[in-house]
PDB file of all heavy atoms in Angstrom:
ATOM      1  N   GLU A   1      72.942 195.729 103.647  1.00  0.00           N
ATOM      2  CA  GLU A   1      73.834 195.568 104.799  1.00  0.00           C
ATOM      3  C   GLU A   1      74.504 196.895 105.141  1.00  0.00           C
ATOM      4  O   GLU A   1      74.581 197.294 106.316  1.00  0.00           O
ATOM      5  CB  GLU A   1      74.889 194.511 104.503  1.00  0.00           C
ATOM      6  CG  GLU A   1      75.836 194.249 105.664  1.00  0.00           C
ATOM      7  CD  GLU A   1      76.858 193.182 105.346  1.00  0.00           C
ATOM      8  OE1 GLU A   1      77.272 193.070 104.169  1.00  0.00           O
ATOM      9  OE2 GLU A   1      77.270 192.470 106.276  1.00  0.00           O
ATOM     10  N   LYS A   2      74.978 197.598 104.126  1.00  0.00           N
ATOM     11  CA  LYS A   2      75.619 198.898 104.346  1.00  0.00           C
ATOM     12  C   LYS A   2      74.630 199.925 104.880  1.00  0.00           C
ATOM     13  O   LYS A   2      74.964 200.723 105.770  1.00  0.00           O
ATOM     14  CB  LYS A   2      76.228 199.400 103.036  1.00  0.00           C
ATOM     15  CG  LYS A   2      76.963 200.721 103.165  1.00  0.00           C
ATOM     16  CD  LYS A   2      77.581 201.146 101.839  1.00  0.00           C
ATOM     17  CE  LYS A   2      78.312 202.472 101.968  1.00  0.00           C
ATOM     18  NZ  LYS A   2      78.901 202.899 100.670  1.00  0.00           N
ATOM     19  N   ALA A   3      73.390 199.890 104.358  1.00  0.00           N
ATOM     20  CA  ALA A   3      72.371 200.855 104.777  1.00  0.00           C
ATOM     21  C   ALA A   3      71.691 200.458 106.081  1.00  0.00           C
ATOM     22  O   ALA A   3      70.956 201.246 106.665  1.00  0.00           O
ATOM     23  CB  ALA A   3      71.319 201.001 103.685  1.00  0.00           C
ATOM     24  N   LYS A   4      71.921 199.194 106.526  1.00  0.00           N
ATOM     25  CA  LYS A   4      71.294 198.669 107.741  1.00  0.00           C
ATOM     26  C   LYS A   4      69.766 198.671 107.631  1.00  0.00           C
ATOM     27  O   LYS A   4      69.049 199.186 108.487  1.00  0.00           O
ATOM     28  CB  LYS A   4      71.768 199.437 108.981  1.00  0.00           C
ATOM     29  CG  LYS A   4      73.257 199.257 109.256  1.00  0.00           C
ATOM     30  CD  LYS A   4      73.709 200.007 110.493  1.00  0.00           C
ATOM     31  CE  LYS A   4      75.106 199.629 110.950  1.00  0.00           C
ATOM     32  NZ  LYS A   4      76.100 199.432 109.888  1.00  0.00           N
ATOM     33  N   ILE A   5      69.302 198.070 106.535  1.00  0.00           N
ATOM     34  CA  ILE A   5      67.871 197.893 106.271  1.00  0.00           C
ATOM     35  C   ILE A   5      67.607 196.400 106.127  1.00  0.00           C
ATOM     36  O   ILE A   5      68.251 195.738 105.306  1.00  0.00           O
ATOM     37  CB  ILE A   5      67.437 198.600 104.966  1.00  0.00           C
ATOM     38  CG1 ILE A   5      67.727 200.100 105.026  1.00  0.00           C
ATOM     39  CG2 ILE A   5      65.966 198.343 104.666  1.00  0.00           C
ATOM     40  CD1 ILE A   5      66.853 200.873 105.976  1.00  0.00           C
ATOM     41  N   PRO A   6      66.682 195.818 106.889  1.00  0.00           N
ATOM     42  CA  PRO A   6      66.440 194.378 106.754  1.00  0.00           C
ATOM     43  C   PRO A   6      65.838 194.005 105.404  1.00  0.00           C
ATOM     44  O   PRO A   6      64.999 194.724 104.867  1.00  0.00           O
ATOM     45  CB  PRO A   6      65.467 194.075 107.900  1.00  0.00           C
ATOM     46  CG  PRO A   6      64.848 195.380 108.250  1.00  0.00           C
ATOM     47  CD  PRO A   6      65.862 196.431 107.945  1.00  0.00           C
ATOM     48  N   LEU A   7      66.278 192.866 104.879  1.00  0.00           N
ATOM     49  CA  LEU A   7      65.778 192.313 103.622  1.00  0.00           C
ATOM     50  C   LEU A   7      65.170 190.943 103.903  1.00  0.00           C
ATOM     51  O   LEU A   7      65.840 190.070 104.465  1.00  0.00           O
ATOM     52  CB  LEU A   7      66.919 192.161 102.611  1.00  0.00           C
ATOM     53  CG  LEU A   7      66.613 191.349 101.346  1.00  0.00           C
ATOM     54  CD1 LEU A   7      65.605 192.074 100.459  1.00  0.00           C
ATOM     55  CD2 LEU A   7      67.899 191.050 100.563  1.00  0.00           C
ATOM     56  N   VAL A   8      63.899 190.757 103.513  1.00  0.00           N
ATOM     57  CA  VAL A   8      63.258 189.450 103.613  1.00  0.00           C
ATOM     58  C   VAL A   8      63.182 188.863 102.208  1.00  0.00           C
ATOM     59  O   VAL A   8      62.480 189.394 101.344  1.00  0.00           O
ATOM     60  CB  VAL A   8      61.861 189.538 104.257  1.00  0.00           C
ATOM     61  CG1 VAL A   8      61.188 188.167 104.249  1.00  0.00           C
ATOM     62  CG2 VAL A   8      61.962 190.064 105.682  1.00  0.00           C
ATOM     63  N   VAL A   9      63.931 187.796 101.980  1.00  0.00           N
ATOM     64  CA  VAL A   9      63.973 187.138 100.677  1.00  0.00           C
ATOM     65  C   VAL A   9      62.805 186.161 100.617  1.00  0.00           C
ATOM     66  O   VAL A   9      62.706 185.254 101.441  1.00  0.00           O
ATOM     67  CB  VAL A   9      65.305 186.389 100.487  1.00  0.00           C
ATOM     68  CG1 VAL A   9      65.347 185.687  99.134  1.00  0.00           C
ATOM     69  CG2 VAL A   9      66.470 187.365 100.633  1.00  0.00           C
ATOM     70  N   GLU A  10      61.935 186.356  99.620  1.00  0.00           N
ATOM     71  CA  GLU A  10      60.685 185.606  99.608  1.00  0.00           C
ATOM     72  C   GLU A  10      60.642 184.491  98.566  1.00  0.00           C
ATOM     73  O   GLU A  10      59.872 183.551  98.719  1.00  0.00           O
ATOM     74  CB  GLU A  10      59.506 186.564  99.433  1.00  0.00           C
ATOM     75  CG  GLU A  10      59.188 187.119  98.068  1.00  0.00           C
ATOM     76  CD  GLU A  10      60.290 187.467  97.106  1.00  0.00           C
ATOM     77  OE1 GLU A  10      61.428 187.790  97.481  1.00  0.00           O
ATOM     78  OE2 GLU A  10      60.012 187.395  95.899  1.00  0.00           O
ATOM     79  N   THR A  11      61.440 184.555  97.511  1.00  0.00           N
ATOM     80  CA  THR A  11      61.322 183.559  96.436  1.00  0.00           C
ATOM     81  C   THR A  11      62.669 183.042  95.950  1.00  0.00           C
ATOM     82  O   THR A  11      62.767 181.888  95.542  1.00  0.00           O
ATOM     83  CB  THR A  11      60.558 184.157  95.225  1.00  0.00           C
ATOM     84  OG1 THR A  11      59.331 184.723  95.675  1.00  0.00           O
ATOM     85  CG2 THR A  11      60.238 183.091  94.195  1.00  0.00           C
ATOM     86  N   SER A  12      63.697 183.850  95.973  1.00  0.00           N
ATOM     87  CA  SER A  12      65.007 183.449  95.439  1.00  0.00           C
ATOM     88  C   SER A  12      65.506 182.181  96.129  1.00  0.00           C
ATOM     89  O   SER A  12      65.398 182.045  97.347  1.00  0.00           O
ATOM     90  CB  SER A  12      66.025 184.569  95.635  1.00  0.00           C
ATOM     91  OG  SER A  12      65.563 185.767  95.061  1.00  0.00           O
ATOM     92  N   THR A  13      66.096 181.276  95.354  1.00  0.00           N
ATOM     93  CA  THR A  13      66.450 179.963  95.897  1.00  0.00           C
ATOM     94  C   THR A  13      67.937 179.630  95.881  1.00  0.00           C
ATOM     95  O   THR A  13      68.333 178.549  96.321  1.00  0.00           O
ATOM     96  CB  THR A  13      65.701 178.859  95.111  1.00  0.00           C
ATOM     97  OG1 THR A  13      65.954 179.024  93.712  1.00  0.00           O
ATOM     98  CG2 THR A  13      64.205 178.903  95.376  1.00  0.00           C
ATOM     99  N   SER A  14      68.796 180.521  95.390  1.00  0.00           N
ATOM    100  CA  SER A  14      70.221 180.204  95.317  1.00  0.00           C
ATOM    101  C   SER A  14      70.780 179.881  96.708  1.00  0.00           C
ATOM    102  O   SER A  14      70.582 180.637  97.662  1.00  0.00           O
ATOM    103  CB  SER A  14      71.006 181.382  94.742  1.00  0.00           C
ATOM    104  OG  SER A  14      72.401 181.146  94.868  1.00  0.00           O
ATOM    105  N   PRO A  15      71.507 178.761  96.861  1.00  0.00           N
ATOM    106  CA  PRO A  15      72.129 178.443  98.153  1.00  0.00           C
ATOM    107  C   PRO A  15      73.112 179.511  98.628  1.00  0.00           C
ATOM    108  O   PRO A  15      73.393 179.612  99.832  1.00  0.00           O
ATOM    109  CB  PRO A  15      72.849 177.114  97.865  1.00  0.00           C
ATOM    110  CG  PRO A  15      72.065 176.499  96.750  1.00  0.00           C
ATOM    111  CD  PRO A  15      71.655 177.659  95.890  1.00  0.00           C
ATOM    112  N   LYS A  16      73.639 180.322  97.696  1.00  0.00           N
ATOM    113  CA  LYS A  16      74.581 181.379  98.078  1.00  0.00           C
ATOM    114  C   LYS A  16      73.966 182.356  99.084  1.00  0.00           C
ATOM    115  O   LYS A  16      74.670 182.927  99.918  1.00  0.00           O
ATOM    116  CB  LYS A  16      75.038 182.161  96.846  1.00  0.00           C
ATOM    117  CG  LYS A  16      75.951 181.417  95.897  1.00  0.00           C
ATOM    118  CD  LYS A  16      76.357 182.334  94.751  1.00  0.00           C
ATOM    119  CE  LYS A  16      77.232 181.632  93.737  1.00  0.00           C
ATOM    120  NZ  LYS A  16      77.595 182.539  92.607  1.00  0.00           N
ATOM    121  N   ILE A  17      72.660 182.562  98.985  1.00  0.00           N
ATOM    122  CA  ILE A  17      71.996 183.517  99.873  1.00  0.00           C
ATOM    123  C   ILE A  17      72.115 183.060 101.321  1.00  0.00           C
ATOM    124  O   ILE A  17      72.474 183.837 102.211  1.00  0.00           O
ATOM    125  CB  ILE A  17      70.526 183.704  99.460  1.00  0.00           C
ATOM    126  CG1 ILE A  17      70.450 184.340  98.062  1.00  0.00           C
ATOM    127  CG2 ILE A  17      69.768 184.565 100.472  1.00  0.00           C
ATOM    128  CD1 ILE A  17      69.080 184.291  97.434  1.00  0.00           C
ATOM    129  N   THR A  18      71.844 181.777 101.562  1.00  0.00           N
ATOM    130  CA  THR A  18      71.970 181.221 102.909  1.00  0.00           C
ATOM    131  C   THR A  18      73.422 181.248 103.366  1.00  0.00           C
ATOM    132  O   THR A  18      73.714 181.580 104.517  1.00  0.00           O
ATOM    133  CB  THR A  18      71.435 179.782 102.949  1.00  0.00           C
ATOM    134  OG1 THR A  18      70.064 179.780 102.551  1.00  0.00           O
ATOM    135  CG2 THR A  18      71.531 179.197 104.341  1.00  0.00           C
ATOM    136  N   GLU A  19      74.333 180.893 102.464  1.00  0.00           N
ATOM    137  CA  GLU A  19      75.752 180.864 102.821  1.00  0.00           C
ATOM    138  C   GLU A  19      76.253 182.232 103.264  1.00  0.00           C
ATOM    139  O   GLU A  19      77.100 182.331 104.159  1.00  0.00           O
ATOM    140  CB  GLU A  19      76.574 180.372 101.630  1.00  0.00           C
ATOM    141  CG  GLU A  19      76.306 178.920 101.254  1.00  0.00           C
ATOM    142  CD  GLU A  19      76.827 178.562  99.876  1.00  0.00           C
ATOM    143  OE1 GLU A  19      77.506 179.419  99.267  1.00  0.00           O
ATOM    144  OE2 GLU A  19      76.545 177.447  99.397  1.00  0.00           O
ATOM    145  N   GLN A  20      75.710 183.287 102.647  1.00  0.00           N
ATOM    146  CA  GLN A  20      76.212 184.638 102.921  1.00  0.00           C
ATOM    147  C   GLN A  20      75.439 185.360 104.026  1.00  0.00           C
ATOM    148  O   GLN A  20      75.849 186.439 104.457  1.00  0.00           O
ATOM    149  CB  GLN A  20      76.156 185.473 101.642  1.00  0.00           C
ATOM    150  CG  GLN A  20      77.076 184.966 100.539  1.00  0.00           C
ATOM    151  CD  GLN A  20      76.976 185.775  99.264  1.00  0.00           C
ATOM    152  OE1 GLN A  20      76.467 186.892  99.258  1.00  0.00           O
ATOM    153  NE2 GLN A  20      77.458 185.213  98.163  1.00  0.00           N
ATOM    154  N   ALA A  21      74.324 184.783 104.478  1.00  0.00           N
ATOM    155  CA  ALA A  21      73.470 185.484 105.450  1.00  0.00           C
ATOM    156  C   ALA A  21      73.693 184.959 106.862  1.00  0.00           C
ATOM    157  O   ALA A  21      74.183 183.851 107.076  1.00  0.00           O
ATOM    158  CB  ALA A  21      71.998 185.319 105.063  1.00  0.00           C
ATOM    159  N   GLY A  22      73.303 185.806 107.827  1.00  0.00           N
ATOM    160  CA  GLY A  22      73.318 185.381 109.225  1.00  0.00           C
ATOM    161  C   GLY A  22      74.699 185.348 109.826  1.00  0.00           C
ATOM    162  O   GLY A  22      75.543 186.212 109.555  1.00  0.00           O
ATOM    163  N   VAL A  23      74.966 184.332 110.637  1.00  0.00           N
ATOM    164  CA  VAL A  23      76.183 184.271 111.443  1.00  0.00           C
ATOM    165  C   VAL A  23      77.431 184.411 110.572  1.00  0.00           C
ATOM    166  O   VAL A  23      77.601 183.720 109.570  1.00  0.00           O
ATOM    167  CB  VAL A  23      76.222 182.952 112.249  1.00  0.00           C
ATOM    168  CG1 VAL A  23      76.227 181.735 111.337  1.00  0.00           C
ATOM    169  CG2 VAL A  23      77.415 182.934 113.186  1.00  0.00           C
ATOM    170  N   GLY A  24      78.293 185.334 110.956  1.00  0.00           N
ATOM    171  CA  GLY A  24      79.540 185.548 110.241  1.00  0.00           C
ATOM    172  C   GLY A  24      79.392 186.207 108.897  1.00  0.00           C
ATOM    173  O   GLY A  24      80.363 186.319 108.146  1.00  0.00           O
ATOM    174  N   GLY A  25      78.174 186.662 108.568  1.00  0.00           N
ATOM    175  CA  GLY A  25      77.958 187.252 107.256  1.00  0.00           C
ATOM    176  C   GLY A  25      77.000 188.413 107.308  1.00  0.00           C
ATOM    177  O   GLY A  25      77.106 189.286 108.177  1.00  0.00           O
ATOM    178  N   ASN A  26      76.051 188.424 106.395  1.00  0.00           N
ATOM    179  CA  ASN A  26      75.104 189.528 106.261  1.00  0.00           C
ATOM    180  C   ASN A  26      73.953 189.313 107.237  1.00  0.00           C
ATOM    181  O   ASN A  26      73.043 188.524 106.994  1.00  0.00           O
ATOM    182  CB  ASN A  26      74.587 189.572 104.819  1.00  0.00           C
ATOM    183  CG  ASN A  26      73.746 190.792 104.535  1.00  0.00           C
ATOM    184  OD1 ASN A  26      72.941 191.212 105.355  1.00  0.00           O
ATOM    185  ND2 ASN A  26      73.896 191.361 103.349  1.00  0.00           N
ATOM    186  N   THR A  27      73.978 190.019 108.346  1.00  0.00           N
ATOM    187  CA  THR A  27      72.975 189.816 109.398  1.00  0.00           C
ATOM    188  C   THR A  27      71.677 190.570 109.137  1.00  0.00           C
ATOM    189  O   THR A  27      70.756 190.521 109.955  1.00  0.00           O
ATOM    190  CB  THR A  27      73.534 190.253 110.765  1.00  0.00           C
ATOM    191  OG1 THR A  27      73.892 191.647 110.713  1.00  0.00           O
ATOM    192  CG2 THR A  27      74.757 189.432 111.138  1.00  0.00           C
ATOM    193  N   TRP A  28      71.586 191.237 108.004  1.00  0.00           N
ATOM    194  CA  TRP A  28      70.375 191.993 107.658  1.00  0.00           C
ATOM    195  C   TRP A  28      69.491 191.249 106.657  1.00  0.00           C
ATOM    196  O   TRP A  28      68.416 191.730 106.293  1.00  0.00           O
ATOM    197  CB  TRP A  28      70.759 193.378 107.100  1.00  0.00           C
ATOM    198  CG  TRP A  28      71.398 194.234 108.143  1.00  0.00           C
ATOM    199  CD1 TRP A  28      72.724 194.260 108.491  1.00  0.00           C
ATOM    200  CD2 TRP A  28      70.743 195.147 109.015  1.00  0.00           C
ATOM    201  NE1 TRP A  28      72.921 195.141 109.526  1.00  0.00           N
ATOM    202  CE2 TRP A  28      71.724 195.713 109.865  1.00  0.00           C
ATOM    203  CE3 TRP A  28      69.418 195.571 109.159  1.00  0.00           C
ATOM    204  CZ2 TRP A  28      71.430 196.661 110.842  1.00  0.00           C
ATOM    205  CZ3 TRP A  28      69.110 196.513 110.137  1.00  0.00           C
ATOM    206  CH2 TRP A  28      70.108 197.043 110.961  1.00  0.00           C
ATOM    207  N   THR A  29      69.931 190.062 106.225  1.00  0.00           N
ATOM    208  CA  THR A  29      69.189 189.287 105.231  1.00  0.00           C
ATOM    209  C   THR A  29      68.544 188.068 105.875  1.00  0.00           C
ATOM    210  O   THR A  29      69.198 187.334 106.625  1.00  0.00           O
ATOM    211  CB  THR A  29      70.124 188.834 104.095  1.00  0.00           C
ATOM    212  OG1 THR A  29      70.655 189.976 103.429  1.00  0.00           O
ATOM    213  CG2 THR A  29      69.380 187.971 103.083  1.00  0.00           C
ATOM    214  N   PHE A  30      67.266 187.839 105.550  1.00  0.00           N
ATOM    215  CA  PHE A  30      66.495 186.697 106.045  1.00  0.00           C
ATOM    216  C   PHE A  30      65.775 186.058 104.858  1.00  0.00           C
ATOM    217  O   PHE A  30      65.242 186.764 104.008  1.00  0.00           O
ATOM    218  CB  PHE A  30      65.455 187.150 107.076  1.00  0.00           C
ATOM    219  CG  PHE A  30      66.033 187.811 108.291  1.00  0.00           C
ATOM    220  CD1 PHE A  30      66.426 189.151 108.256  1.00  0.00           C
ATOM    221  CD2 PHE A  30      66.187 187.113 109.471  1.00  0.00           C
ATOM    222  CE1 PHE A  30      66.957 189.769 109.377  1.00  0.00           C
ATOM    223  CE2 PHE A  30      66.722 187.723 110.604  1.00  0.00           C
ATOM    224  CZ  PHE A  30      67.112 189.057 110.552  1.00  0.00           C
ATOM    225  N   ARG A  31      65.730 184.722 104.822  1.00  0.00           N
ATOM    226  CA  ARG A  31      65.025 184.060 103.720  1.00  0.00           C
ATOM    227  C   ARG A  31      63.920 183.151 104.282  1.00  0.00           C
ATOM    228  O   ARG A  31      64.171 182.321 105.156  1.00  0.00           O
ATOM    229  CB  ARG A  31      65.974 183.247 102.848  1.00  0.00           C
ATOM    230  CG  ARG A  31      65.208 182.501 101.745  1.00  0.00           C
ATOM    231  CD  ARG A  31      66.042 182.112 100.562  1.00  0.00           C
ATOM    232  NE  ARG A  31      67.194 181.290 100.886  1.00  0.00           N
ATOM    233  CZ  ARG A  31      68.050 180.855  99.967  1.00  0.00           C
ATOM    234  NH1 ARG A  31      67.891 181.170  98.692  1.00  0.00           N
ATOM    235  NH2 ARG A  31      69.083 180.121 100.311  1.00  0.00           N
ATOM    236  N   ILE A  32      62.700 183.288 103.715  1.00  0.00           N
ATOM    237  CA  ILE A  32      61.576 182.509 104.215  1.00  0.00           C
ATOM    238  C   ILE A  32      61.280 181.274 103.372  1.00  0.00           C
ATOM    239  O   ILE A  32      60.488 180.422 103.798  1.00  0.00           O
ATOM    240  CB  ILE A  32      60.301 183.375 104.317  1.00  0.00           C
ATOM    241  CG1 ILE A  32      59.830 183.843 102.928  1.00  0.00           C
ATOM    242  CG2 ILE A  32      60.509 184.540 105.243  1.00  0.00           C
ATOM    243  CD1 ILE A  32      58.462 184.504 102.941  1.00  0.00           C
ATOM    244  N   ASN A  33      61.841 181.167 102.176  1.00  0.00           N
ATOM    245  CA  ASN A  33      61.565 180.014 101.316  1.00  0.00           C
ATOM    246  C   ASN A  33      62.762 179.070 101.288  1.00  0.00           C
ATOM    247  O   ASN A  33      63.889 179.471 101.579  1.00  0.00           O
ATOM    248  CB  ASN A  33      61.227 180.468  99.888  1.00  0.00           C
ATOM    249  CG  ASN A  33      62.396 181.153  99.233  1.00  0.00           C
ATOM    250  OD1 ASN A  33      62.943 182.101  99.781  1.00  0.00           O
ATOM    251  ND2 ASN A  33      62.800 180.702  98.056  1.00  0.00           N
ATOM    252  N   PRO A  34      62.540 177.796 100.933  1.00  0.00           N
ATOM    253  CA  PRO A  34      63.662 176.856 100.895  1.00  0.00           C
ATOM    254  C   PRO A  34      64.669 177.223  99.811  1.00  0.00           C
ATOM    255  O   PRO A  34      64.317 177.809  98.786  1.00  0.00           O
ATOM    256  CB  PRO A  34      62.984 175.517 100.568  1.00  0.00           C
ATOM    257  CG  PRO A  34      61.533 175.712 100.866  1.00  0.00           C
ATOM    258  CD  PRO A  34      61.258 177.156 100.621  1.00  0.00           C
ATOM    259  N   SER A  35      65.921 176.860 100.033  1.00  0.00           N
ATOM    260  CA  SER A  35      66.944 177.043  99.012  1.00  0.00           C
ATOM    261  C   SER A  35      66.874 175.890  98.009  1.00  0.00           C
ATOM    262  O   SER A  35      66.204 174.877  98.246  1.00  0.00           O
ATOM    263  CB  SER A  35      68.335 177.070  99.647  1.00  0.00           C
ATOM    264  OG  SER A  35      68.711 175.760 100.067  1.00  0.00           O
ATOM    265  N   ASP A  36      67.590 176.038  96.894  1.00  0.00           N
ATOM    266  CA  ASP A  36      67.633 174.958  95.920  1.00  0.00           C
ATOM    267  C   ASP A  36      68.237 173.689  96.507  1.00  0.00           C
ATOM    268  O   ASP A  36      67.865 172.578  96.108  1.00  0.00           O
ATOM    269  CB  ASP A  36      68.437 175.392  94.685  1.00  0.00           C
ATOM    270  CG  ASP A  36      67.599 176.225  93.732  1.00  0.00           C
ATOM    271  OD1 ASP A  36      66.424 175.880  93.526  1.00  0.00           O
ATOM    272  OD2 ASP A  36      68.116 177.224  93.204  1.00  0.00           O
ATOM    273  N   SER A  37      69.143 173.828  97.448  1.00  0.00           N
ATOM    274  CA  SER A  37      69.726 172.644  98.083  1.00  0.00           C
ATOM    275  C   SER A  37      68.657 171.851  98.816  1.00  0.00           C
ATOM    276  O   SER A  37      68.586 170.619  98.725  1.00  0.00           O
ATOM    277  CB  SER A  37      70.832 173.055  99.063  1.00  0.00           C
ATOM    278  OG  SER A  37      71.907 173.655  98.386  1.00  0.00           O
ATOM    279  N   GLU A  38      67.800 172.558  99.550  1.00  0.00           N
ATOM    280  CA  GLU A  38      66.726 171.894 100.289  1.00  0.00           C
ATOM    281  C   GLU A  38      65.666 171.326  99.344  1.00  0.00           C
ATOM    282  O   GLU A  38      65.174 170.208  99.531  1.00  0.00           O
ATOM    283  CB  GLU A  38      66.098 172.885 101.268  1.00  0.00           C
ATOM    284  CG  GLU A  38      67.049 173.309 102.365  1.00  0.00           C
ATOM    285  CD  GLU A  38      66.515 174.452 103.198  1.00  0.00           C
ATOM    286  OE1 GLU A  38      66.021 175.443 102.628  1.00  0.00           O
ATOM    287  OE2 GLU A  38      66.585 174.355 104.436  1.00  0.00           O
ATOM    288  N   LEU A  39      65.302 172.097  98.325  1.00  0.00           N
ATOM    289  CA  LEU A  39      64.311 171.624  97.358  1.00  0.00           C
ATOM    290  C   LEU A  39      64.834 170.410  96.588  1.00  0.00           C
ATOM    291  O   LEU A  39      64.070 169.488  96.270  1.00  0.00           O
ATOM    292  CB  LEU A  39      63.947 172.745  96.390  1.00  0.00           C
ATOM    293  CG  LEU A  39      63.190 173.930  97.005  1.00  0.00           C
ATOM    294  CD1 LEU A  39      63.059 175.059  95.989  1.00  0.00           C
ATOM    295  CD2 LEU A  39      61.814 173.520  97.510  1.00  0.00           C
ATOM    296  N   ALA A  40      66.133 170.405  96.303  1.00  0.00           N
ATOM    297  CA  ALA A  40      66.726 169.277  95.576  1.00  0.00           C
ATOM    298  C   ALA A  40      66.624 167.987  96.381  1.00  0.00           C
ATOM    299  O   ALA A  40      66.428 166.907  95.813  1.00  0.00           O
ATOM    300  CB  ALA A  40      68.182 169.581  95.243  1.00  0.00           C
ATOM    301  N   VAL A  41      66.743 168.095  97.684  1.00  0.00           N
ATOM    302  CA  VAL A  41      66.633 166.904  98.537  1.00  0.00           C
ATOM    303  C   VAL A  41      65.242 166.296  98.411  1.00  0.00           C
ATOM    304  O   VAL A  41      65.085 165.076  98.242  1.00  0.00           O
ATOM    305  CB  VAL A  41      66.943 167.254 100.006  1.00  0.00           C
ATOM    306  CG1 VAL A  41      66.583 166.091 100.920  1.00  0.00           C
ATOM    307  CG2 VAL A  41      68.400 167.622 100.177  1.00  0.00           C
ATOM    308  N   GLY A  42      64.214 167.129  98.476  1.00  0.00           N
ATOM    309  CA  GLY A  42      62.855 166.634  98.355  1.00  0.00           C
ATOM    310  C   GLY A  42      62.577 166.012  96.995  1.00  0.00           C
ATOM    311  O   GLY A  42      61.971 164.936  96.902  1.00  0.00           O
ATOM    312  N   LEU A  43      63.036 166.691  95.936  1.00  0.00           N
ATOM    313  CA  LEU A  43      62.822 166.166  94.591  1.00  0.00           C
ATOM    314  C   LEU A  43      63.591 164.857  94.402  1.00  0.00           C
ATOM    315  O   LEU A  43      63.070 163.896  93.813  1.00  0.00           O
ATOM    316  CB  LEU A  43      63.272 167.192  93.553  1.00  0.00           C
ATOM    317  CG  LEU A  43      63.093 166.785  92.092  1.00  0.00           C
ATOM    318  CD1 LEU A  43      61.629 166.525  91.763  1.00  0.00           C
ATOM    319  CD2 LEU A  43      63.662 167.860  91.161  1.00  0.00           C
TER     320      LEU A  43
END
């Protein structure tokens, strides 16, 4: 975020990543895989 370099998160599943990314937060982070919250719903 400080360096202004985009990060694509490919495997990490912690819900904190979604909570901290995007609107009102870290706009340089994107996640392509489901979070543990989403995976927990399916399981």
